[in-house]
Structures are given as structure tokens and as C-alpha cells.
Amino acid sequence: MAPMEGVTDSIFRNTFREYYGGVDKYFTPFISPNDTKKFTTREYKDIDPEKNNIQTTVPQLITGKSEHFIWAMNEIYKLGFREINFNLGCPSGTVVAKKKGSGLLYYPEDLDALLYDVFEAKPSDLNISIKTRLGKLDPEEFYEILDIYNKYQISELTIHPRIQKDFYRERVRRDFFDYAVENTSLPLIYNGDLKSVNQVVDCLNQYPEIEGVMLGRGLIANPTLALACKNPKEEYAFDKKTFGDFHQRLLDSYVEVLSGQVPVLHRMKEFWVYWQENFSGSEKSIKTIKKAKSLAEYKGAVAQILSK
């Protein structure tokens, strides 16, 4: 499961695992260490061993400074985690402006120096994986970037074959993933625009050498997707009863931990950006959900959708 800010927090991941599953690894939304050398409350909840399965949860870090990465790496290691993912893919303008995420890719010498420091400092039994884009402005930046990655014992290299300025709008550039398959011995994961079982199966058939795929928006929209991909000969139809129970558990959990109706509504509405794909013919109720100003109004609209 891909890390998605504001979506795949520990509550969502644990609830998803209980009702659906089929996922081998759950990546946390990025943690951004800084000079304070403290995790925020939200960040710690996402890596708290009491709230996460440390065997299947992978904390993700985003930073442009090796000292920040190394501090957070050591703290996370003490909690029992044995893999940390480095976010070199986030395309957000505010992130990129700070030379983080895909913004760091534009500075290959700095990227190389940071990775050198991290791999020198990491505990021997800690895996460092990377989620990357192809570059910032031009996909041909990837040739030099991949050469840098090939210098290090990266446990998994997840490639989202777009550049930063593509965001999620432009087509994925599969030809550059082809280049990676031919020019690295690092374990590869494909990520990008996989929204159906057929798309996942076709990807894995096209690239039998890779270790797997990372699913993001497609998996949030269709929570049975991972299960269906693991068992392509079985039918995994979207079931309103299971979804209703899943939704209620999520809602109850957020009501319990968030302060007031507004943040709960904000969180639940974010999910419906993806879930609405499963409910054709319910456009009026979905519009009500998006405009709801109270939990009562929200629950009423959801009940209407699930009763059809």
C-alpha cells in the first residue's frame, strides 16, 4: 500500500487490514525530521509499535539533510522496525521548494552525498528502500539518478515513472521503467496508475523480474484490489455490507481520536474522493457528502448510498 498523506494513517491501515487485506507492506505517509529532533504527535502515532504491526509497516522519511535522516532512522530502529523508506517522489511544490522529495533529484551530487552518509551510518540489519520519480523537469535525469542508486545496497527501489512536474496528470513513462529493469540489479517495485486486476496482472507479466507492485489510489478506491490481484481466478466483487462495516469502523475510530466534527468530516470526505467510483447512480448523495457540515448530515447521505 502506497503512502498517501491524509489517507493511509495507522487507523486506516489497521482497519483496512482487518476488513480487506491482501497487502504485504504498508508504507506510512512521510515523516519529515528536522532540527527539533522530535516526532510530532501525528508522526509518532504512525510508527507507534502499539498501533502498528512492525513486521508489515514501513516508516517513510522525507528530508534533504542526512543528519535529519540519520537521527530519525536510529529512533525508528530502536522501536523495532527493520526497514525505512526514503521518499524521493513527492511532487508537492512546497516539498520540492525545500529540496525534498522529487526536488532532491534535481541535485544529484547532494543526493549521492546524503545516501553515502545514510548507508555509512545505518545499522547492519536495517534495510533502506527508496520510492522515487524519474527526475524533476526531464525524465532523462533518471539515467544519472539510477547510476547513483546502483552504488548503494537499496533493499527495494520503487519507481513511479513520472517526473515531478507531471504530478499525477501526465501519462506514466514506462520506457524509463524498462530502462531500470535493464540497467539495475536492485529489487524493483512498479508504482503508477494500477487501478484494476488486469492492469496489475499485465504489469507483472510484462516485468517478471520485478518484486511486486505498489498500489495507491486504485487500492483506496477498490479495497478488494490487492486480494483480487493475489487470487486473480477468484471473484472479489465490491460488497456494500463489508464496505459499510469498514466505513463505520473508520468513522467511529476518527470520532474517537479527532477533536470535533470538522476534522472527522474532512478526513472522511477525503476517502470519498476515491470511494465514489463504486457508487454510480448515487451522485446526488455523494454531492451531499462533499457539502456536509455535520456528522448527522454526512451519515444520512452515506446511509442512502448503502441502502440502494
C-alpha atoms as a PDB file:
ATOM      1  CA  MET A   1       0.000   0.000   0.000  1.00  0.00           C
ATOM      2  CA  ALA A   2       1.412   3.323  -1.097  1.00  0.00           C
ATOM      3  CA  PRO A   3       1.830   6.115   1.442  1.00  0.00           C
ATOM      4  CA  MET A   4      -0.835   8.774   0.917  1.00  0.00           C
ATOM      5  CA  GLU A   5      -0.830  11.892   3.063  1.00  0.00           C
ATOM      6  CA  GLY A   6      -4.148  12.413   4.841  1.00  0.00           C
ATOM      7  CA  VAL A   7      -5.396   8.973   3.807  1.00  0.00           C
ATOM      8  CA  THR A   8      -3.277   5.978   4.841  1.00  0.00           C
ATOM      9  CA  ASP A   9      -2.637   6.733   8.520  1.00  0.00           C
ATOM     10  CA  SER A  10      -2.388   3.974  11.130  1.00  0.00           C
ATOM     11  CA  ILE A  11      -6.158   3.925  11.735  1.00  0.00           C
ATOM     12  CA  PHE A  12      -6.880   3.426   8.054  1.00  0.00           C
ATOM     13  CA  ARG A  13      -4.139   0.826   7.613  1.00  0.00           C
ATOM     14  CA  ASN A  14      -5.217  -1.256  10.603  1.00  0.00           C
ATOM     15  CA  THR A  15      -8.900  -1.078   9.670  1.00  0.00           C
ATOM     16  CA  PHE A  16      -8.119  -1.956   6.069  1.00  0.00           C
ATOM     17  CA  ARG A  17      -6.096  -4.966   7.205  1.00  0.00           C
ATOM     18  CA  GLU A  18      -8.999  -6.171   9.350  1.00  0.00           C
ATOM     19  CA  TYR A  19     -11.700  -5.929   6.674  1.00  0.00           C
ATOM     20  CA  TYR A  20      -9.788  -6.493   3.430  1.00  0.00           C
ATOM     21  CA  GLY A  21      -6.045  -7.181   3.462  1.00  0.00           C
ATOM     22  CA  GLY A  22      -4.054  -8.793   0.704  1.00  0.00           C
ATOM     23  CA  VAL A  23      -1.259  -6.258   1.254  1.00  0.00           C
ATOM     24  CA  ASP A  24       2.280  -7.385   2.142  1.00  0.00           C
ATOM     25  CA  LYS A  25       3.636  -3.978   3.197  1.00  0.00           C
ATOM     26  CA  TYR A  26       2.007  -0.782   4.409  1.00  0.00           C
ATOM     27  CA  PHE A  27       4.075   2.377   3.932  1.00  0.00           C
ATOM     28  CA  THR A  28       3.370   5.267   6.285  1.00  0.00           C
ATOM     29  CA  PRO A  29       2.790   8.788   4.983  1.00  0.00           C
ATOM     30  CA  PHE A  30       6.108  10.578   5.159  1.00  0.00           C
ATOM     31  CA  ILE A  31       7.708  11.731   8.370  1.00  0.00           C
ATOM     32  CA  SER A  32       9.721  14.931   7.984  1.00  0.00           C
ATOM     33  CA  PRO A  33      12.505  15.061  10.600  1.00  0.00           C
ATOM     34  CA  ASN A  34      14.050  18.426  11.359  1.00  0.00           C
ATOM     35  CA  ASP A  35      16.347  20.263  13.762  1.00  0.00           C
ATOM     36  CA  THR A  36      13.991  19.715  16.722  1.00  0.00           C
ATOM     37  CA  LYS A  37      14.871  16.010  16.661  1.00  0.00           C
ATOM     38  CA  LYS A  38      11.363  15.196  17.811  1.00  0.00           C
ATOM     39  CA  PHE A  39       8.496  13.416  16.118  1.00  0.00           C
ATOM     40  CA  THR A  40       5.181  15.226  16.056  1.00  0.00           C
ATOM     41  CA  THR A  41       2.270  13.519  17.792  1.00  0.00           C
ATOM     42  CA  ARG A  42       0.824  12.532  14.417  1.00  0.00           C
ATOM     43  CA  GLU A  43       4.140  11.171  13.194  1.00  0.00           C
ATOM     44  CA  TYR A  44       4.678   9.082  16.296  1.00  0.00           C
ATOM     45  CA  LYS A  45       1.173   7.584  16.096  1.00  0.00           C
ATOM     46  CA  ASP A  46       2.024   6.367  12.633  1.00  0.00           C
ATOM     47  CA  ILE A  47       5.074   4.470  13.902  1.00  0.00           C
ATOM     48  CA  ASP A  48       3.990   3.643  17.469  1.00  0.00           C
ATOM     49  CA  PRO A  49       4.607  -0.128  17.806  1.00  0.00           C
ATOM     50  CA  GLU A  50       1.438  -0.373  19.883  1.00  0.00           C
ATOM     51  CA  LYS A  51      -0.589   0.966  16.949  1.00  0.00           C
ATOM     52  CA  ASN A  52       1.269  -0.693  14.092  1.00  0.00           C
ATOM     53  CA  ASN A  53       2.426  -4.138  13.070  1.00  0.00           C
ATOM     54  CA  ILE A  54       6.165  -3.542  12.821  1.00  0.00           C
ATOM     55  CA  GLN A  55       6.564  -6.636  10.640  1.00  0.00           C
ATOM     56  CA  THR A  56       4.471  -5.199   7.794  1.00  0.00           C
ATOM     57  CA  THR A  57       4.639  -1.424   8.389  1.00  0.00           C
ATOM     58  CA  VAL A  58       7.417   0.583   6.748  1.00  0.00           C
ATOM     59  CA  PRO A  59       8.019   4.130   8.033  1.00  0.00           C
ATOM     60  CA  GLN A  60       8.795   6.614   5.294  1.00  0.00           C
ATOM     61  CA  LEU A  61      11.125   9.597   5.733  1.00  0.00           C
ATOM     62  CA  ILE A  62      11.394  12.752   3.657  1.00  0.00           C
ATOM     63  CA  THR A  63      14.311  15.131   4.088  1.00  0.00           C
ATOM     64  CA  GLY A  64      17.149  16.791   2.255  1.00  0.00           C
ATOM     65  CA  LYS A  65      19.635  16.521   5.121  1.00  0.00           C
ATOM     66  CA  SER A  66      21.499  13.388   6.102  1.00  0.00           C
ATOM     67  CA  GLU A  67      21.715  14.361   9.786  1.00  0.00           C
ATOM     68  CA  HIS A  68      17.931  14.560   9.989  1.00  0.00           C
ATOM     69  CA  PHE A  69      17.531  11.213   8.245  1.00  0.00           C
ATOM     70  CA  ILE A  70      20.095   9.509  10.470  1.00  0.00           C
ATOM     71  CA  TRP A  71      18.524  10.806  13.678  1.00  0.00           C
ATOM     72  CA  ALA A  72      15.055   9.585  12.653  1.00  0.00           C
ATOM     73  CA  MET A  73      16.475   6.318  11.318  1.00  0.00           C
ATOM     74  CA  ASN A  74      18.063   5.496  14.654  1.00  0.00           C
ATOM     75  CA  GLU A  75      14.922   6.369  16.604  1.00  0.00           C
ATOM     76  CA  ILE A  76      12.754   4.229  14.335  1.00  0.00           C
ATOM     77  CA  TYR A  77      15.242   1.382  14.538  1.00  0.00           C
ATOM     78  CA  LYS A  78      15.001   1.465  18.350  1.00  0.00           C
ATOM     79  CA  LEU A  79      11.233   0.939  18.008  1.00  0.00           C
ATOM     80  CA  GLY A  80      11.858  -2.387  16.284  1.00  0.00           C
ATOM     81  CA  PHE A  81      11.364  -1.529  12.611  1.00  0.00           C
ATOM     82  CA  ARG A  82      13.830  -3.108  10.198  1.00  0.00           C
ATOM     83  CA  GLU A  83      13.001  -1.197   7.019  1.00  0.00           C
ATOM     84  CA  ILE A  84      12.810   2.532   6.358  1.00  0.00           C
ATOM     85  CA  ASN A  85      11.694   4.031   3.066  1.00  0.00           C
ATOM     86  CA  PHE A  86      13.173   7.236   1.666  1.00  0.00           C
ATOM     87  CA  ASN A  87      10.668   9.449  -0.159  1.00  0.00           C
ATOM     88  CA  LEU A  88      12.245  10.810  -3.327  1.00  0.00           C
ATOM     89  CA  GLY A  89       8.979  11.039  -5.203  1.00  0.00           C
ATOM     90  CA  CYS A  90       6.663  13.583  -3.593  1.00  0.00           C
ATOM     91  CA  PRO A  91       5.825  16.199  -6.271  1.00  0.00           C
ATOM     92  CA  SER A  92       4.252  18.814  -3.954  1.00  0.00           C
ATOM     93  CA  GLY A  93       5.528  22.294  -4.730  1.00  0.00           C
ATOM     94  CA  THR A  94       6.088  23.193  -1.077  1.00  0.00           C
ATOM     95  CA  VAL A  95       8.098  19.996  -0.559  1.00  0.00           C
ATOM     96  CA  VAL A  96      10.137  20.386  -3.730  1.00  0.00           C
ATOM     97  CA  ALA A  97      10.971  24.009  -2.878  1.00  0.00           C
ATOM     98  CA  LYS A  98      12.712  22.716   0.264  1.00  0.00           C
ATOM     99  CA  LYS A  99      14.836  20.322  -1.837  1.00  0.00           C
ATOM    100  CA  LYS A 100      12.944  17.319  -0.516  1.00  0.00           C
ATOM    101  CA  GLY A 101      11.022  14.528  -2.227  1.00  0.00           C
ATOM    102  CA  SER A 102      11.414  14.688  -6.001  1.00  0.00           C
ATOM    103  CA  GLY A 103      13.014  18.111  -5.511  1.00  0.00           C
ATOM    104  CA  LEU A 104      16.224  16.468  -4.285  1.00  0.00           C
ATOM    105  CA  LEU A 105      16.510  14.534  -7.558  1.00  0.00           C
ATOM    106  CA  TYR A 106      17.459  17.794  -9.293  1.00  0.00           C
ATOM    107  CA  TYR A 107      20.664  17.863  -7.240  1.00  0.00           C
ATOM    108  CA  PRO A 108      22.343  14.507  -7.928  1.00  0.00           C
ATOM    109  CA  GLU A 109      25.571  15.353  -6.084  1.00  0.00           C
ATOM    110  CA  ASP A 110      23.617  16.225  -2.932  1.00  0.00           C
ATOM    111  CA  LEU A 111      21.513  13.077  -3.325  1.00  0.00           C
ATOM    112  CA  ASP A 112      24.624  10.947  -3.642  1.00  0.00           C
ATOM    113  CA  ALA A 113      26.249  12.578  -0.588  1.00  0.00           C
ATOM    114  CA  LEU A 114      23.107  12.066   1.518  1.00  0.00           C
ATOM    115  CA  LEU A 115      22.811   8.399   0.546  1.00  0.00           C
ATOM    116  CA  TYR A 116      26.502   7.866   1.281  1.00  0.00           C
ATOM    117  CA  ASP A 117      26.096   9.253   4.792  1.00  0.00           C
ATOM    118  CA  VAL A 118      22.937   7.237   5.442  1.00  0.00           C
ATOM    119  CA  PHE A 119      24.366   3.923   4.267  1.00  0.00           C
ATOM    120  CA  GLU A 120      27.543   4.508   6.254  1.00  0.00           C
ATOM    121  CA  ALA A 121      25.523   5.181   9.411  1.00  0.00           C
ATOM    122  CA  LYS A 122      22.723   2.631   9.180  1.00  0.00           C
ATOM    123  CA  PRO A 123      22.633  -0.461  11.418  1.00  0.00           C
ATOM    124  CA  SER A 124      23.700  -3.563   9.514  1.00  0.00           C
ATOM    125  CA  ASP A 125      20.314  -5.268   9.889  1.00  0.00           C
ATOM    126  CA  LEU A 126      18.264  -2.251   8.778  1.00  0.00           C
ATOM    127  CA  ASN A 127      17.021  -2.126   5.184  1.00  0.00           C
ATOM    128  CA  ILE A 128      16.789   1.181   3.367  1.00  0.00           C
ATOM    129  CA  SER A 129      14.324   1.231   0.485  1.00  0.00           C
ATOM    130  CA  ILE A 130      13.543   4.138  -1.840  1.00  0.00           C
ATOM    131  CA  LYS A 131      10.426   5.414  -3.601  1.00  0.00           C
ATOM    132  CA  THR A 132      11.449   7.640  -6.481  1.00  0.00           C
ATOM    133  CA  ARG A 133      10.296   9.545  -9.519  1.00  0.00           C
ATOM    134  CA  LEU A 134      12.367   9.829 -12.670  1.00  0.00           C
ATOM    135  CA  GLY A 135      13.508  13.367 -12.003  1.00  0.00           C
ATOM    136  CA  LYS A 136      12.218  16.880 -11.596  1.00  0.00           C
ATOM    137  CA  LEU A 137      11.975  18.516 -15.034  1.00  0.00           C
ATOM    138  CA  ASP A 138      13.182  15.971 -17.574  1.00  0.00           C
ATOM    139  CA  PRO A 139      12.854  12.173 -17.492  1.00  0.00           C
ATOM    140  CA  GLU A 140      16.389  11.835 -18.839  1.00  0.00           C
ATOM    141  CA  GLU A 141      17.591  12.971 -15.413  1.00  0.00           C
ATOM    142  CA  PHE A 142      16.820   9.370 -14.413  1.00  0.00           C
ATOM    143  CA  TYR A 143      19.914   7.977 -16.151  1.00  0.00           C
ATOM    144  CA  GLU A 144      22.232   9.727 -13.690  1.00  0.00           C
ATOM    145  CA  ILE A 145      19.887   9.139 -10.755  1.00  0.00           C
ATOM    146  CA  LEU A 146      19.792   5.390 -11.389  1.00  0.00           C
ATOM    147  CA  ASP A 147      23.603   5.326 -11.578  1.00  0.00           C
ATOM    148  CA  ILE A 148      23.632   6.834  -8.083  1.00  0.00           C
ATOM    149  CA  TYR A 149      21.134   4.300  -6.739  1.00  0.00           C
ATOM    150  CA  ASN A 150      23.222   1.466  -8.187  1.00  0.00           C
ATOM    151  CA  LYS A 151      26.083   2.447  -5.855  1.00  0.00           C
ATOM    152  CA  TYR A 152      24.118   1.500  -2.743  1.00  0.00           C
ATOM    153  CA  GLN A 153      22.546  -1.629  -1.263  1.00  0.00           C
ATOM    154  CA  ILE A 154      18.997  -0.371  -1.566  1.00  0.00           C
ATOM    155  CA  SER A 155      16.660  -3.132  -0.393  1.00  0.00           C
ATOM    156  CA  GLU A 156      13.863  -2.143  -2.802  1.00  0.00           C
ATOM    157  CA  LEU A 157      13.603   0.585  -5.415  1.00  0.00           C
ATOM    158  CA  THR A 158      10.018   1.610  -6.075  1.00  0.00           C
ATOM    159  CA  ILE A 159       9.783   3.624  -9.275  1.00  0.00           C
ATOM    160  CA  HIS A 160       6.871   5.904 -10.122  1.00  0.00           C
ATOM    161  CA  PRO A 161       7.728   6.632 -13.769  1.00  0.00           C
ATOM    162  CA  ARG A 162       6.755  10.273 -13.895  1.00  0.00           C
ATOM    163  CA  ILE A 163       8.778  13.428 -13.305  1.00  0.00           C
ATOM    164  CA  GLN A 164       7.908  15.982 -10.647  1.00  0.00           C
ATOM    165  CA  LYS A 165       6.217  18.436 -12.998  1.00  0.00           C
ATOM    166  CA  ASP A 166       3.918  15.647 -14.273  1.00  0.00           C
ATOM    167  CA  PHE A 167       2.328  15.381 -10.807  1.00  0.00           C
ATOM    168  CA  TYR A 168      -0.296  12.642 -11.393  1.00  0.00           C
ATOM    169  CA  ARG A 169      -1.790  14.090 -14.565  1.00  0.00           C
ATOM    170  CA  GLU A 170       0.571  13.082 -17.353  1.00  0.00           C
ATOM    171  CA  ARG A 171       0.989   9.555 -18.636  1.00  0.00           C
ATOM    172  CA  VAL A 172       3.397   7.213 -16.901  1.00  0.00           C
ATOM    173  CA  ARG A 173       6.655   6.801 -18.799  1.00  0.00           C
ATOM    174  CA  ARG A 174       7.007   3.028 -18.942  1.00  0.00           C
ATOM    175  CA  ASP A 175      10.026   3.237 -21.253  1.00  0.00           C
ATOM    176  CA  PHE A 176      12.080   4.583 -18.359  1.00  0.00           C
ATOM    177  CA  PHE A 177      10.935   1.737 -16.134  1.00  0.00           C
ATOM    178  CA  ASP A 178      12.089  -0.570 -18.958  1.00  0.00           C
ATOM    179  CA  TYR A 179      15.474   1.142 -18.722  1.00  0.00           C
ATOM    180  CA  ALA A 180      15.630   0.469 -14.982  1.00  0.00           C
ATOM    181  CA  VAL A 181      14.817  -3.212 -15.481  1.00  0.00           C
ATOM    182  CA  GLU A 182      17.717  -3.497 -17.924  1.00  0.00           C
ATOM    183  CA  ASN A 183      20.208  -1.363 -16.000  1.00  0.00           C
ATOM    184  CA  THR A 184      19.974  -2.269 -12.332  1.00  0.00           C
ATOM    185  CA  SER A 185      20.226  -5.382 -10.214  1.00  0.00           C
ATOM    186  CA  LEU A 186      18.324  -3.683  -7.384  1.00  0.00           C
ATOM    187  CA  PRO A 187      14.970  -5.265  -6.441  1.00  0.00           C
ATOM    188  CA  LEU A 188      12.351  -3.242  -8.296  1.00  0.00           C
ATOM    189  CA  ILE A 189       8.749  -2.336  -7.459  1.00  0.00           C
ATOM    190  CA  TYR A 190       6.451  -0.703 -10.017  1.00  0.00           C
ATOM    191  CA  ASN A 191       4.091   2.083  -8.934  1.00  0.00           C
ATOM    192  CA  GLY A 192       1.761   4.192 -11.030  1.00  0.00           C
ATOM    193  CA  ASP A 193      -1.784   4.072 -12.431  1.00  0.00           C
ATOM    194  CA  LEU A 194      -2.576   0.478 -11.492  1.00  0.00           C
ATOM    195  CA  LYS A 195      -6.305   0.534 -10.812  1.00  0.00           C
ATOM    196  CA  SER A 196      -7.607  -2.873 -11.894  1.00  0.00           C
ATOM    197  CA  VAL A 197      -6.679  -6.526 -11.566  1.00  0.00           C
ATOM    198  CA  ASN A 198      -5.985  -6.737 -15.293  1.00  0.00           C
ATOM    199  CA  GLN A 199      -3.615  -3.771 -15.137  1.00  0.00           C
ATOM    200  CA  VAL A 200      -1.698  -5.315 -12.236  1.00  0.00           C
ATOM    201  CA  VAL A 201      -1.534  -8.769 -13.816  1.00  0.00           C
ATOM    202  CA  ASP A 202      -0.420  -7.277 -17.148  1.00  0.00           C
ATOM    203  CA  CYS A 203       2.296  -5.276 -15.362  1.00  0.00           C
ATOM    204  CA  LEU A 204       3.626  -8.329 -13.542  1.00  0.00           C
ATOM    205  CA  ASN A 205       3.543 -10.355 -16.759  1.00  0.00           C
ATOM    206  CA  GLN A 206       5.372  -7.595 -18.608  1.00  0.00           C
ATOM    207  CA  TYR A 207       8.020  -7.394 -15.882  1.00  0.00           C
ATOM    208  CA  PRO A 208       8.513 -10.902 -14.457  1.00  0.00           C
ATOM    209  CA  GLU A 209      11.838  -9.772 -12.974  1.00  0.00           C
ATOM    210  CA  ILE A 210      10.342  -7.304 -10.505  1.00  0.00           C
ATOM    211  CA  GLU A 211       9.496  -7.958  -6.875  1.00  0.00           C
ATOM    212  CA  GLY A 212       5.954  -6.599  -6.981  1.00  0.00           C
ATOM    213  CA  VAL A 213       3.799  -3.518  -7.330  1.00  0.00           C
ATOM    214  CA  MET A 214       2.794  -0.682  -5.036  1.00  0.00           C
ATOM    215  CA  LEU A 215      -0.886   0.255  -5.116  1.00  0.00           C
ATOM    216  CA  GLY A 216      -2.193   3.670  -4.109  1.00  0.00           C
ATOM    217  CA  ARG A 217      -5.264   5.441  -5.429  1.00  0.00           C
ATOM    218  CA  GLY A 218      -6.570   2.301  -7.118  1.00  0.00           C
ATOM    219  CA  LEU A 219      -6.445   0.350  -3.861  1.00  0.00           C
ATOM    220  CA  ILE A 220      -8.172   3.062  -1.832  1.00  0.00           C
ATOM    221  CA  ALA A 221     -10.946   3.259  -4.438  1.00  0.00           C
ATOM    222  CA  ASN A 222     -11.330  -0.515  -4.643  1.00  0.00           C
ATOM    223  CA  PRO A 223     -10.279  -2.056  -1.320  1.00  0.00           C
ATOM    224  CA  THR A 224     -10.601  -5.593  -2.722  1.00  0.00           C
ATOM    225  CA  LEU A 225      -7.935  -4.912  -5.360  1.00  0.00           C
ATOM    226  CA  ALA A 226      -4.942  -6.402  -3.541  1.00  0.00           C
ATOM    227  CA  LEU A 227      -6.853  -9.562  -2.624  1.00  0.00           C
ATOM    228  CA  ALA A 228      -8.113  -9.929  -6.173  1.00  0.00           C
ATOM    229  CA  CYS A 229      -4.607  -9.491  -7.589  1.00  0.00           C
ATOM    230  CA  LYS A 230      -3.278 -12.267  -5.373  1.00  0.00           C
ATOM    231  CA  ASN A 231      -6.138 -14.547  -6.402  1.00  0.00           C
ATOM    232  CA  PRO A 232      -6.973 -13.495  -9.989  1.00  0.00           C
ATOM    233  CA  LYS A 233      -9.024 -16.629 -10.646  1.00  0.00           C
ATOM    234  CA  GLU A 234     -11.458 -15.804  -7.847  1.00  0.00           C
ATOM    235  CA  GLU A 235     -14.197 -13.198  -7.900  1.00  0.00           C
ATOM    236  CA  TYR A 236     -13.886 -10.296  -5.468  1.00  0.00           C
ATOM    237  CA  ALA A 237     -16.921  -8.160  -6.148  1.00  0.00           C
ATOM    238  CA  PHE A 238     -17.323  -4.914  -4.218  1.00  0.00           C
ATOM    239  CA  ASP A 239     -19.660  -5.787  -1.344  1.00  0.00           C
ATOM    240  CA  LYS A 240     -21.713  -2.983   0.224  1.00  0.00           C
ATOM    241  CA  LYS A 241     -22.158  -4.860   3.527  1.00  0.00           C
ATOM    242  CA  THR A 242     -18.412  -5.297   4.055  1.00  0.00           C
ATOM    243  CA  PHE A 243     -17.758  -1.752   2.910  1.00  0.00           C
ATOM    244  CA  GLY A 244     -20.454  -0.428   5.265  1.00  0.00           C
ATOM    245  CA  ASP A 245     -18.859  -2.194   8.239  1.00  0.00           C
ATOM    246  CA  PHE A 246     -15.420  -0.980   7.180  1.00  0.00           C
ATOM    247  CA  HIS A 247     -16.691   2.575   6.800  1.00  0.00           C
ATOM    248  CA  GLN A 248     -18.435   2.522  10.196  1.00  0.00           C
ATOM    249  CA  ARG A 249     -15.306   1.284  11.968  1.00  0.00           C
ATOM    250  CA  LEU A 250     -13.246   4.020  10.336  1.00  0.00           C
ATOM    251  CA  LEU A 251     -15.793   6.681  11.228  1.00  0.00           C
ATOM    252  CA  ASP A 252     -16.055   5.524  14.857  1.00  0.00           C
ATOM    253  CA  SER A 253     -12.259   5.480  15.179  1.00  0.00           C
ATOM    254  CA  TYR A 254     -11.848   9.018  13.851  1.00  0.00           C
ATOM    255  CA  VAL A 255     -14.684  10.324  16.039  1.00  0.00           C
ATOM    256  CA  GLU A 256     -12.806   8.851  18.996  1.00  0.00           C
ATOM    257  CA  VAL A 257      -9.393  10.363  18.258  1.00  0.00           C
ATOM    258  CA  LEU A 258     -10.101  13.620  16.421  1.00  0.00           C
ATOM    259  CA  SER A 259     -11.367  16.761  18.114  1.00  0.00           C
ATOM    260  CA  GLY A 260     -14.793  17.763  16.840  1.00  0.00           C
ATOM    261  CA  GLN A 261     -16.880  17.141  13.749  1.00  0.00           C
ATOM    262  CA  VAL A 262     -14.895  19.290  11.320  1.00  0.00           C
ATOM    263  CA  PRO A 263     -11.666  17.223  11.269  1.00  0.00           C
ATOM    264  CA  VAL A 264     -13.685  13.983  11.174  1.00  0.00           C
ATOM    265  CA  LEU A 265     -15.698  15.223   8.205  1.00  0.00           C
ATOM    266  CA  HIS A 266     -12.550  16.435   6.483  1.00  0.00           C
ATOM    267  CA  ARG A 267     -10.931  13.020   6.861  1.00  0.00           C
ATOM    268  CA  MET A 268     -13.964  11.035   5.709  1.00  0.00           C
ATOM    269  CA  LYS A 269     -14.626  13.312   2.737  1.00  0.00           C
ATOM    270  CA  GLU A 270     -11.057  12.704   1.561  1.00  0.00           C
ATOM    271  CA  PHE A 271     -11.815   8.979   1.302  1.00  0.00           C
ATOM    272  CA  TRP A 272     -14.921   9.616  -0.781  1.00  0.00           C
ATOM    273  CA  VAL A 273     -12.769  11.209  -3.490  1.00  0.00           C
ATOM    274  CA  TYR A 274     -11.792   7.586  -4.201  1.00  0.00           C
ATOM    275  CA  TRP A 275     -14.775   5.580  -2.921  1.00  0.00           C
ATOM    276  CA  GLN A 276     -17.304   7.390  -5.108  1.00  0.00           C
ATOM    277  CA  GLU A 277     -16.150   5.310  -8.087  1.00  0.00           C
ATOM    278  CA  ASN A 278     -18.007   2.325  -6.612  1.00  0.00           C
ATOM    279  CA  PHE A 279     -21.390   4.052  -6.442  1.00  0.00           C
ATOM    280  CA  SER A 280     -22.594   5.081  -9.878  1.00  0.00           C
ATOM    281  CA  GLY A 281     -26.112   6.427  -9.677  1.00  0.00           C
ATOM    282  CA  SER A 282     -25.500   7.958  -6.235  1.00  0.00           C
ATOM    283  CA  GLU A 283     -24.151  11.280  -7.462  1.00  0.00           C
ATOM    284  CA  LYS A 284     -26.700  13.315  -5.517  1.00  0.00           C
ATOM    285  CA  SER A 285     -25.839  11.632  -2.201  1.00  0.00           C
ATOM    286  CA  ILE A 286     -22.114  11.926  -2.890  1.00  0.00           C
ATOM    287  CA  LYS A 287     -22.579  15.643  -3.523  1.00  0.00           C
ATOM    288  CA  THR A 288     -24.342  15.851  -0.152  1.00  0.00           C
ATOM    289  CA  ILE A 289     -21.388  14.098   1.488  1.00  0.00           C
ATOM    290  CA  LYS A 290     -18.950  16.594  -0.010  1.00  0.00           C
ATOM    291  CA  LYS A 291     -21.027  19.540   1.242  1.00  0.00           C
ATOM    292  CA  ALA A 292     -21.989  18.056   4.639  1.00  0.00           C
ATOM    293  CA  LYS A 293     -21.405  20.403   7.565  1.00  0.00           C
ATOM    294  CA  SER A 294     -22.423  17.968  10.320  1.00  0.00           C
ATOM    295  CA  LEU A 295     -21.914  14.295  11.039  1.00  0.00           C
ATOM    296  CA  ALA A 296     -25.682  13.769  11.042  1.00  0.00           C
ATOM    297  CA  GLU A 297     -25.924  15.130   7.508  1.00  0.00           C
ATOM    298  CA  TYR A 298     -22.933  13.045   6.449  1.00  0.00           C
ATOM    299  CA  LYS A 299     -24.268   9.822   7.975  1.00  0.00           C
ATOM    300  CA  GLY A 300     -27.657  10.340   6.351  1.00  0.00           C
ATOM    301  CA  ALA A 301     -26.099  10.627   2.897  1.00  0.00           C
ATOM    302  CA  VAL A 302     -23.918   7.548   3.443  1.00  0.00           C
ATOM    303  CA  ALA A 303     -26.946   5.547   4.625  1.00  0.00           C
ATOM    304  CA  GLN A 304     -28.780   6.498   1.436  1.00  0.00           C
ATOM    305  CA  ILE A 305     -25.889   5.283  -0.705  1.00  0.00           C
ATOM    306  CA  LEU A 306     -25.534   1.981   1.121  1.00  0.00           C
ATOM    307  CA  SER A 307     -29.258   1.262   1.098  1.00  0.00           C
ATOM    308  CA  LYS A 308     -29.553   1.298  -2.698  1.00  0.00           C
END
